[in-house]
Amino acid sequence: MSQTPVKVPPSATSYTPATQDADLRSQINSLLHKEGHVTKIQDTLLHSLDAHPTNWPSAVQTHALTLLRTGEVTTFPALVRRVLEDVRHDTANGGGGEMNGASANGNGSKNGTSNAAEGGGSLAMPDAVVEAVLKTTRECLDSVCEVDDSSTAG
């Protein structure tokens, strides 16, 4: 546990992006940085991606290069937007499994070009990688946060 854990109210579980407490988020982020947890989370992500047989980083890189080479995108901001959009699209179509083919509708991108043809099946991040990073993130948050039950007692 952190030397001085951040007291988190039980109501924080129902926060949305519109209602989240910016000061609470800042305190948590500050402790995560100070105590080296951000590096731990990043290391877990990199290790999980490198260890996973799908080679997701290369699939994303190949997709990005294909978009540039075909002229579908011509600027870096457009490339980032499009790659993120395609990753979200494949994720929404349930493509986070073992990346063994194209997305659910048979092609992974808008213009009919299969992501599988671009070198990697689905562009969704593999479920096993997501689970490993979430596990580490939860552990890190548990070490810097404490749910403050005193505000609901009485």
N, C-alpha and C. Protein backbone atom coordinates (compact mmCIF):
# COMPACT_ATOMS: atom_id res chain seq x y z
N MET A 1 0.85 -1.18 0.00
CA MET A 1 0.00 0.00 0.00
C MET A 1 0.89 1.24 0.00
N SER A 2 0.41 2.24 -0.64
CA SER A 2 1.12 3.51 -0.72
C SER A 2 1.30 4.12 0.67
N GLN A 3 2.33 4.94 0.82
CA GLN A 3 2.57 5.62 2.09
C GLN A 3 1.35 6.45 2.50
N THR A 4 0.80 7.20 1.56
CA THR A 4 -0.37 8.03 1.82
C THR A 4 -1.41 7.75 0.74
N PRO A 5 -2.23 6.71 0.93
CA PRO A 5 -3.20 6.37 -0.11
C PRO A 5 -4.24 7.47 -0.31
N VAL A 6 -4.71 7.57 -1.53
CA VAL A 6 -5.75 8.53 -1.86
C VAL A 6 -7.07 7.94 -1.38
N LYS A 7 -7.82 8.73 -0.64
CA LYS A 7 -9.15 8.31 -0.16
C LYS A 7 -10.14 8.50 -1.31
N VAL A 8 -10.75 7.40 -1.71
CA VAL A 8 -11.70 7.42 -2.82
C VAL A 8 -13.09 7.17 -2.27
N PRO A 9 -14.04 8.06 -2.53
CA PRO A 9 -15.40 7.85 -2.02
C PRO A 9 -16.07 6.69 -2.77
N PRO A 10 -16.94 5.94 -2.10
CA PRO A 10 -17.63 4.84 -2.78
C PRO A 10 -18.41 5.29 -4.02
N SER A 11 -18.84 6.54 -4.03
CA SER A 11 -19.60 7.05 -5.17
C SER A 11 -18.76 7.13 -6.45
N ALA A 12 -17.44 7.04 -6.31
CA ALA A 12 -16.56 7.14 -7.48
C ALA A 12 -16.82 6.00 -8.48
N THR A 13 -17.38 4.89 -8.02
CA THR A 13 -17.64 3.77 -8.93
C THR A 13 -18.69 4.12 -9.97
N SER A 14 -19.50 5.14 -9.70
CA SER A 14 -20.54 5.51 -10.66
C SER A 14 -20.19 6.77 -11.45
N TYR A 15 -18.96 7.26 -11.31
CA TYR A 15 -18.54 8.44 -12.06
C TYR A 15 -18.54 8.15 -13.56
N THR A 16 -18.85 9.16 -14.32
CA THR A 16 -18.74 9.10 -15.78
C THR A 16 -17.71 10.16 -16.17
N PRO A 17 -17.27 10.17 -17.43
CA PRO A 17 -16.33 11.24 -17.82
C PRO A 17 -16.85 12.64 -17.51
N ALA A 18 -18.17 12.81 -17.55
CA ALA A 18 -18.75 14.13 -17.28
C ALA A 18 -18.80 14.45 -15.79
N THR A 19 -18.82 13.43 -14.93
CA THR A 19 -18.97 13.69 -13.49
C THR A 19 -17.73 13.35 -12.67
N GLN A 20 -16.68 12.87 -13.31
CA GLN A 20 -15.50 12.49 -12.53
C GLN A 20 -14.86 13.69 -11.85
N ASP A 21 -14.28 13.42 -10.73
CA ASP A 21 -13.64 14.44 -9.91
C ASP A 21 -12.21 14.67 -10.42
N ALA A 22 -11.97 15.82 -11.01
CA ALA A 22 -10.66 16.11 -11.61
C ALA A 22 -9.55 16.12 -10.56
N ASP A 23 -9.85 16.63 -9.36
CA ASP A 23 -8.84 16.66 -8.30
C ASP A 23 -8.48 15.24 -7.85
N LEU A 24 -9.48 14.39 -7.70
CA LEU A 24 -9.24 13.00 -7.32
C LEU A 24 -8.41 12.29 -8.38
N ARG A 25 -8.77 12.48 -9.63
CA ARG A 25 -8.01 11.87 -10.73
C ARG A 25 -6.57 12.36 -10.74
N SER A 26 -6.38 13.65 -10.50
CA SER A 26 -5.04 14.22 -10.46
C SER A 26 -4.22 13.63 -9.32
N GLN A 27 -4.84 13.47 -8.14
CA GLN A 27 -4.13 12.89 -7.00
C GLN A 27 -3.70 11.45 -7.30
N ILE A 28 -4.62 10.68 -7.88
CA ILE A 28 -4.31 9.29 -8.21
C ILE A 28 -3.20 9.22 -9.25
N ASN A 29 -3.32 10.01 -10.31
CA ASN A 29 -2.29 10.02 -11.36
C ASN A 29 -0.93 10.42 -10.80
N SER A 30 -0.93 11.41 -9.92
CA SER A 30 0.32 11.87 -9.32
C SER A 30 0.99 10.75 -8.53
N LEU A 31 0.22 10.02 -7.72
CA LEU A 31 0.79 8.92 -6.96
C LEU A 31 1.23 7.78 -7.87
N LEU A 32 0.46 7.50 -8.90
CA LEU A 32 0.85 6.44 -9.84
C LEU A 32 2.20 6.77 -10.47
N HIS A 33 2.40 8.02 -10.85
CA HIS A 33 3.68 8.44 -11.43
C HIS A 33 4.79 8.39 -10.39
N LYS A 34 4.55 8.99 -9.24
CA LYS A 34 5.56 9.12 -8.19
C LYS A 34 6.08 7.76 -7.73
N GLU A 35 5.20 6.79 -7.64
CA GLU A 35 5.59 5.48 -7.11
C GLU A 35 5.96 4.46 -8.20
N GLY A 36 6.07 4.93 -9.44
CA GLY A 36 6.56 4.07 -10.52
C GLY A 36 5.54 3.12 -11.13
N HIS A 37 4.27 3.32 -10.81
CA HIS A 37 3.25 2.40 -11.31
C HIS A 37 2.97 2.60 -12.81
N VAL A 38 3.10 3.82 -13.29
CA VAL A 38 2.85 4.06 -14.72
C VAL A 38 3.85 3.25 -15.55
N THR A 39 5.10 3.26 -15.12
CA THR A 39 6.13 2.47 -15.81
C THR A 39 5.80 0.99 -15.75
N LYS A 40 5.33 0.53 -14.60
CA LYS A 40 4.96 -0.88 -14.44
C LYS A 40 3.82 -1.26 -15.41
N ILE A 41 2.83 -0.39 -15.53
CA ILE A 41 1.71 -0.64 -16.43
C ILE A 41 2.20 -0.66 -17.89
N GLN A 42 3.04 0.31 -18.24
CA GLN A 42 3.59 0.35 -19.60
C GLN A 42 4.43 -0.88 -19.89
N ASP A 43 5.26 -1.30 -18.93
CA ASP A 43 6.09 -2.49 -19.12
C ASP A 43 5.23 -3.74 -19.31
N THR A 44 4.13 -3.84 -18.55
CA THR A 44 3.22 -4.97 -18.70
C THR A 44 2.62 -4.98 -20.10
N LEU A 45 2.21 -3.81 -20.57
CA LEU A 45 1.64 -3.71 -21.92
C LEU A 45 2.66 -4.15 -22.97
N LEU A 46 3.86 -3.61 -22.90
CA LEU A 46 4.88 -3.96 -23.88
C LEU A 46 5.24 -5.43 -23.83
N HIS A 47 5.42 -5.97 -22.62
CA HIS A 47 5.76 -7.39 -22.49
C HIS A 47 4.63 -8.26 -23.03
N SER A 48 3.39 -7.93 -22.68
CA SER A 48 2.24 -8.73 -23.15
C SER A 48 2.11 -8.69 -24.66
N LEU A 49 2.33 -7.52 -25.24
CA LEU A 49 2.26 -7.41 -26.71
C LEU A 49 3.38 -8.21 -27.36
N ASP A 50 4.59 -8.10 -26.81
CA ASP A 50 5.74 -8.83 -27.38
C ASP A 50 5.59 -10.33 -27.22
N ALA A 51 4.98 -10.77 -26.11
CA ALA A 51 4.87 -12.20 -25.84
C ALA A 51 3.69 -12.84 -26.57
N HIS A 52 2.72 -12.06 -27.00
CA HIS A 52 1.53 -12.61 -27.64
C HIS A 52 1.84 -13.01 -29.08
N PRO A 53 1.37 -14.18 -29.50
CA PRO A 53 1.72 -14.69 -30.84
C PRO A 53 1.11 -13.92 -32.01
N THR A 54 0.16 -13.03 -31.76
CA THR A 54 -0.50 -12.34 -32.86
C THR A 54 0.33 -11.22 -33.48
N ASN A 55 1.35 -10.75 -32.76
CA ASN A 55 2.21 -9.68 -33.27
C ASN A 55 1.39 -8.44 -33.64
N TRP A 56 0.53 -8.02 -32.70
CA TRP A 56 -0.37 -6.90 -32.91
C TRP A 56 0.35 -5.61 -33.34
N PRO A 57 1.46 -5.24 -32.70
CA PRO A 57 2.12 -4.00 -33.14
C PRO A 57 2.50 -4.00 -34.63
N SER A 58 2.95 -5.13 -35.11
CA SER A 58 3.31 -5.22 -36.54
C SER A 58 2.08 -5.15 -37.42
N ALA A 59 0.97 -5.73 -36.97
CA ALA A 59 -0.27 -5.65 -37.75
C ALA A 59 -0.74 -4.21 -37.87
N VAL A 60 -0.65 -3.45 -36.78
CA VAL A 60 -1.05 -2.05 -36.80
C VAL A 60 -0.11 -1.24 -37.69
N GLN A 61 1.19 -1.52 -37.58
CA GLN A 61 2.17 -0.82 -38.41
C GLN A 61 1.94 -1.11 -39.89
N THR A 62 1.70 -2.36 -40.21
CA THR A 62 1.46 -2.74 -41.61
C THR A 62 0.20 -2.06 -42.14
N HIS A 63 -0.84 -2.02 -41.32
CA HIS A 63 -2.07 -1.36 -41.72
C HIS A 63 -1.82 0.13 -41.98
N ALA A 64 -1.08 0.78 -41.08
CA ALA A 64 -0.78 2.21 -41.25
C ALA A 64 0.03 2.47 -42.52
N LEU A 65 1.02 1.64 -42.76
CA LEU A 65 1.82 1.80 -43.97
C LEU A 65 0.99 1.61 -45.23
N THR A 66 0.06 0.65 -45.19
CA THR A 66 -0.82 0.42 -46.33
C THR A 66 -1.70 1.63 -46.59
N LEU A 67 -2.23 2.22 -45.53
CA LEU A 67 -3.06 3.42 -45.69
C LEU A 67 -2.27 4.57 -46.30
N LEU A 68 -1.02 4.72 -45.91
CA LEU A 68 -0.17 5.77 -46.47
C LEU A 68 0.19 5.48 -47.93
N ARG A 69 0.58 4.24 -48.19
CA ARG A 69 1.00 3.86 -49.55
C ARG A 69 -0.11 3.96 -50.57
N THR A 70 -1.34 3.64 -50.14
CA THR A 70 -2.46 3.68 -51.08
C THR A 70 -3.02 5.09 -51.24
N GLY A 71 -2.55 6.00 -50.39
CA GLY A 71 -3.02 7.38 -50.47
C GLY A 71 -4.36 7.60 -49.76
N GLU A 72 -4.86 6.59 -49.04
CA GLU A 72 -6.12 6.78 -48.32
C GLU A 72 -5.99 7.86 -47.26
N VAL A 73 -4.79 8.00 -46.68
CA VAL A 73 -4.51 9.08 -45.76
C VAL A 73 -3.18 9.70 -46.18
N THR A 74 -3.06 11.00 -45.95
CA THR A 74 -1.84 11.67 -46.40
C THR A 74 -1.16 12.50 -45.31
N THR A 75 -1.82 12.60 -44.16
CA THR A 75 -1.21 13.35 -43.06
C THR A 75 -1.16 12.47 -41.82
N PHE A 76 -0.24 12.81 -40.90
CA PHE A 76 -0.11 12.03 -39.68
C PHE A 76 -1.37 12.08 -38.82
N PRO A 77 -1.97 13.26 -38.61
CA PRO A 77 -3.21 13.28 -37.81
C PRO A 77 -4.32 12.41 -38.43
N ALA A 78 -4.43 12.44 -39.75
CA ALA A 78 -5.44 11.61 -40.42
C ALA A 78 -5.11 10.13 -40.27
N LEU A 79 -3.83 9.80 -40.31
CA LEU A 79 -3.40 8.41 -40.13
C LEU A 79 -3.75 7.91 -38.74
N VAL A 80 -3.43 8.70 -37.72
CA VAL A 80 -3.73 8.30 -36.35
C VAL A 80 -5.24 8.13 -36.17
N ARG A 81 -6.02 9.09 -36.67
CA ARG A 81 -7.48 8.99 -36.56
C ARG A 81 -8.00 7.72 -37.23
N ARG A 82 -7.51 7.44 -38.43
CA ARG A 82 -7.99 6.29 -39.19
C ARG A 82 -7.59 4.97 -38.53
N VAL A 83 -6.35 4.86 -38.07
CA VAL A 83 -5.90 3.62 -37.43
C VAL A 83 -6.72 3.38 -36.16
N LEU A 84 -6.90 4.43 -35.34
CA LEU A 84 -7.70 4.27 -34.13
C LEU A 84 -9.13 3.87 -34.46
N GLU A 85 -9.68 4.48 -35.49
CA GLU A 85 -11.04 4.16 -35.93
C GLU A 85 -11.12 2.69 -36.36
N ASP A 86 -10.14 2.21 -37.10
CA ASP A 86 -10.14 0.83 -37.56
C ASP A 86 -9.94 -0.16 -36.41
N VAL A 87 -9.11 0.21 -35.44
CA VAL A 87 -8.93 -0.63 -34.25
C VAL A 87 -10.24 -0.71 -33.49
N ARG A 88 -10.90 0.43 -33.31
CA ARG A 88 -12.20 0.45 -32.62
C ARG A 88 -13.23 -0.38 -33.39
N HIS A 89 -13.23 -0.25 -34.69
CA HIS A 89 -14.17 -0.99 -35.53
C HIS A 89 -13.98 -2.49 -35.34
N ASP A 90 -12.75 -2.95 -35.42
CA ASP A 90 -12.48 -4.38 -35.26
C ASP A 90 -12.77 -4.85 -33.84
N THR A 91 -12.52 -3.98 -32.86
CA THR A 91 -12.83 -4.33 -31.48
C THR A 91 -14.33 -4.47 -31.29
N ALA A 92 -15.10 -3.54 -31.87
CA ALA A 92 -16.55 -3.59 -31.76
C ALA A 92 -17.13 -4.84 -32.43
N ASN A 93 -16.43 -5.35 -33.42
CA ASN A 93 -16.89 -6.55 -34.11
C ASN A 93 -16.35 -7.82 -33.48
N GLY A 94 -15.88 -7.70 -32.24
CA GLY A 94 -15.44 -8.89 -31.51
C GLY A 94 -14.12 -9.45 -31.97
N GLY A 95 -13.23 -8.60 -32.43
CA GLY A 95 -11.98 -9.08 -32.98
C GLY A 95 -10.83 -9.18 -32.01
N GLY A 96 -11.08 -9.21 -30.70
CA GLY A 96 -9.98 -9.23 -29.74
C GLY A 96 -9.49 -10.61 -29.37
N GLY A 97 -10.03 -11.64 -30.02
CA GLY A 97 -9.64 -13.01 -29.68
C GLY A 97 -8.22 -13.32 -30.12
N GLU A 98 -8.07 -14.26 -31.00
CA GLU A 98 -6.73 -14.68 -31.42
C GLU A 98 -6.33 -14.14 -32.78
N MET A 99 -7.06 -13.17 -33.30
CA MET A 99 -6.72 -12.52 -34.57
C MET A 99 -6.48 -13.54 -35.67
N ASN A 100 -7.47 -14.41 -35.89
CA ASN A 100 -7.28 -15.48 -36.86
C ASN A 100 -8.05 -15.25 -38.14
N GLY A 101 -8.38 -14.04 -38.44
CA GLY A 101 -9.06 -13.77 -39.69
C GLY A 101 -9.56 -12.35 -39.72
N ALA A 102 -10.37 -12.07 -40.71
CA ALA A 102 -10.90 -10.72 -40.83
C ALA A 102 -12.01 -10.52 -39.81
N SER A 103 -12.50 -9.31 -39.73
CA SER A 103 -13.54 -9.00 -38.76
C SER A 103 -14.84 -9.69 -39.12
N ALA A 104 -15.84 -9.53 -38.27
CA ALA A 104 -17.09 -10.27 -38.39
C ALA A 104 -17.78 -10.09 -39.73
N ASN A 105 -17.65 -8.93 -40.36
CA ASN A 105 -18.33 -8.72 -41.63
C ASN A 105 -17.48 -9.11 -42.83
N GLY A 106 -16.33 -9.70 -42.57
CA GLY A 106 -15.52 -10.20 -43.67
C GLY A 106 -14.43 -9.27 -44.13
N ASN A 107 -14.49 -8.01 -43.74
CA ASN A 107 -13.39 -7.12 -44.06
C ASN A 107 -13.20 -6.14 -42.93
N GLY A 108 -11.98 -5.75 -42.72
CA GLY A 108 -11.67 -4.96 -41.55
C GLY A 108 -11.62 -3.47 -41.78
N SER A 109 -11.71 -3.02 -43.02
CA SER A 109 -11.67 -1.58 -43.22
C SER A 109 -12.77 -1.16 -44.16
N LYS A 110 -13.00 0.13 -44.21
CA LYS A 110 -14.17 0.66 -44.90
C LYS A 110 -14.20 0.42 -46.40
N ASN A 111 -13.06 0.40 -47.04
CA ASN A 111 -13.05 0.36 -48.49
C ASN A 111 -13.01 -1.06 -49.05
N GLY A 112 -13.22 -2.06 -48.19
CA GLY A 112 -13.23 -3.43 -48.67
C GLY A 112 -11.89 -4.11 -48.62
N THR A 113 -10.85 -3.41 -48.20
CA THR A 113 -9.54 -4.03 -48.08
C THR A 113 -9.51 -4.79 -46.77
N SER A 114 -9.25 -6.07 -46.82
CA SER A 114 -9.23 -6.87 -45.62
C SER A 114 -7.99 -6.58 -44.79
N ASN A 115 -8.18 -6.46 -43.50
CA ASN A 115 -7.02 -6.29 -42.62
C ASN A 115 -6.16 -7.54 -42.67
N ALA A 116 -6.76 -8.70 -42.89
CA ALA A 116 -5.99 -9.93 -43.00
C ALA A 116 -5.05 -9.85 -44.20
N ALA A 117 -5.53 -9.25 -45.28
CA ALA A 117 -4.69 -9.10 -46.47
C ALA A 117 -3.55 -8.12 -46.21
N GLU A 118 -3.77 -7.23 -45.23
CA GLU A 118 -2.74 -6.26 -44.89
C GLU A 118 -1.74 -6.83 -43.90
N GLY A 119 -1.91 -8.10 -43.53
CA GLY A 119 -0.88 -8.73 -42.75
C GLY A 119 -1.21 -9.08 -41.32
N GLY A 120 -2.49 -9.16 -40.94
CA GLY A 120 -2.64 -9.52 -39.55
C GLY A 120 -4.02 -9.81 -39.03
N GLY A 121 -5.02 -10.01 -39.83
CA GLY A 121 -6.33 -10.29 -39.27
C GLY A 121 -6.89 -9.05 -38.62
N SER A 122 -7.55 -9.25 -37.52
CA SER A 122 -8.20 -8.16 -36.81
C SER A 122 -7.17 -7.18 -36.24
N LEU A 123 -7.56 -5.92 -36.20
CA LEU A 123 -6.71 -4.90 -35.58
C LEU A 123 -7.05 -4.68 -34.12
N ALA A 124 -8.02 -5.43 -33.60
CA ALA A 124 -8.36 -5.32 -32.18
C ALA A 124 -7.20 -5.85 -31.34
N MET A 125 -6.91 -5.16 -30.24
CA MET A 125 -5.85 -5.64 -29.36
C MET A 125 -6.31 -6.98 -28.77
N PRO A 126 -5.42 -7.96 -28.73
CA PRO A 126 -5.80 -9.29 -28.22
C PRO A 126 -6.34 -9.22 -26.79
N ASP A 127 -7.39 -9.99 -26.52
CA ASP A 127 -8.02 -10.01 -25.20
C ASP A 127 -7.03 -10.34 -24.10
N ALA A 128 -6.12 -11.27 -24.34
CA ALA A 128 -5.16 -11.67 -23.31
C ALA A 128 -4.27 -10.49 -22.91
N VAL A 129 -3.93 -9.64 -23.86
CA VAL A 129 -3.10 -8.46 -23.57
C VAL A 129 -3.91 -7.47 -22.73
N VAL A 130 -5.15 -7.24 -23.13
CA VAL A 130 -6.01 -6.31 -22.40
C VAL A 130 -6.19 -6.80 -20.96
N GLU A 131 -6.44 -8.09 -20.78
CA GLU A 131 -6.64 -8.64 -19.43
C GLU A 131 -5.38 -8.50 -18.58
N ALA A 132 -4.21 -8.73 -19.16
CA ALA A 132 -2.96 -8.61 -18.40
C ALA A 132 -2.74 -7.17 -17.94
N VAL A 133 -3.01 -6.22 -18.81
CA VAL A 133 -2.82 -4.81 -18.47
C VAL A 133 -3.85 -4.36 -17.44
N LEU A 134 -5.09 -4.81 -17.60
CA LEU A 134 -6.12 -4.46 -16.62
C LEU A 134 -5.78 -5.01 -15.23
N LYS A 135 -5.26 -6.23 -15.19
CA LYS A 135 -4.88 -6.84 -13.91
C LYS A 135 -3.79 -6.00 -13.22
N THR A 136 -2.78 -5.64 -13.98
CA THR A 136 -1.69 -4.82 -13.43
C THR A 136 -2.20 -3.45 -12.99
N THR A 137 -3.07 -2.85 -13.80
CA THR A 137 -3.62 -1.54 -13.48
C THR A 137 -4.43 -1.60 -12.19
N ARG A 138 -5.25 -2.64 -12.05
CA ARG A 138 -6.03 -2.79 -10.81
C ARG A 138 -5.11 -2.92 -9.59
N GLU A 139 -4.05 -3.73 -9.74
CA GLU A 139 -3.10 -3.90 -8.63
C GLU A 139 -2.45 -2.58 -8.26
N CYS A 140 -2.08 -1.81 -9.27
CA CYS A 140 -1.45 -0.51 -9.02
C CYS A 140 -2.43 0.45 -8.34
N LEU A 141 -3.66 0.48 -8.82
CA LEU A 141 -4.66 1.35 -8.21
C LEU A 141 -4.94 0.93 -6.77
N ASP A 142 -5.00 -0.38 -6.53
CA ASP A 142 -5.22 -0.86 -5.16
C ASP A 142 -4.11 -0.41 -4.21
N SER A 143 -2.91 -0.26 -4.76
CA SER A 143 -1.79 0.12 -3.90
C SER A 143 -1.73 1.62 -3.60
N VAL A 144 -2.44 2.43 -4.37
CA VAL A 144 -2.41 3.88 -4.13
C VAL A 144 -3.76 4.45 -3.70
N CYS A 145 -4.80 3.64 -3.73
CA CYS A 145 -6.14 4.12 -3.39
C CYS A 145 -6.72 3.32 -2.24
N GLU A 146 -7.58 3.98 -1.50
CA GLU A 146 -8.31 3.34 -0.42
C GLU A 146 -9.73 3.88 -0.47
N VAL A 147 -10.71 2.96 -0.52
CA VAL A 147 -12.10 3.39 -0.54
C VAL A 147 -12.45 3.91 0.85
N ASP A 148 -12.94 5.12 0.88
CA ASP A 148 -13.27 5.80 2.14
C ASP A 148 -14.72 5.50 2.51
N ASP A 149 -14.90 4.47 3.35
CA ASP A 149 -16.24 4.07 3.78
C ASP A 149 -16.79 4.98 4.87
N SER A 150 -15.96 5.82 5.46
CA SER A 150 -16.39 6.66 6.57
C SER A 150 -17.47 7.65 6.16
N SER A 151 -17.48 8.03 4.88
CA SER A 151 -18.46 9.01 4.43
C SER A 151 -19.87 8.43 4.34
N THR A 152 -19.98 7.08 4.32
CA THR A 152 -21.30 6.46 4.22
C THR A 152 -21.74 5.85 5.54
N ALA A 153 -20.85 5.83 6.53
CA ALA A 153 -21.20 5.23 7.82
C ALA A 153 -22.10 6.16 8.59
N GLY A 154 -23.03 5.54 9.39
CA GLY A 154 -23.82 6.40 10.24
C GLY A 154 -25.21 6.14 10.07
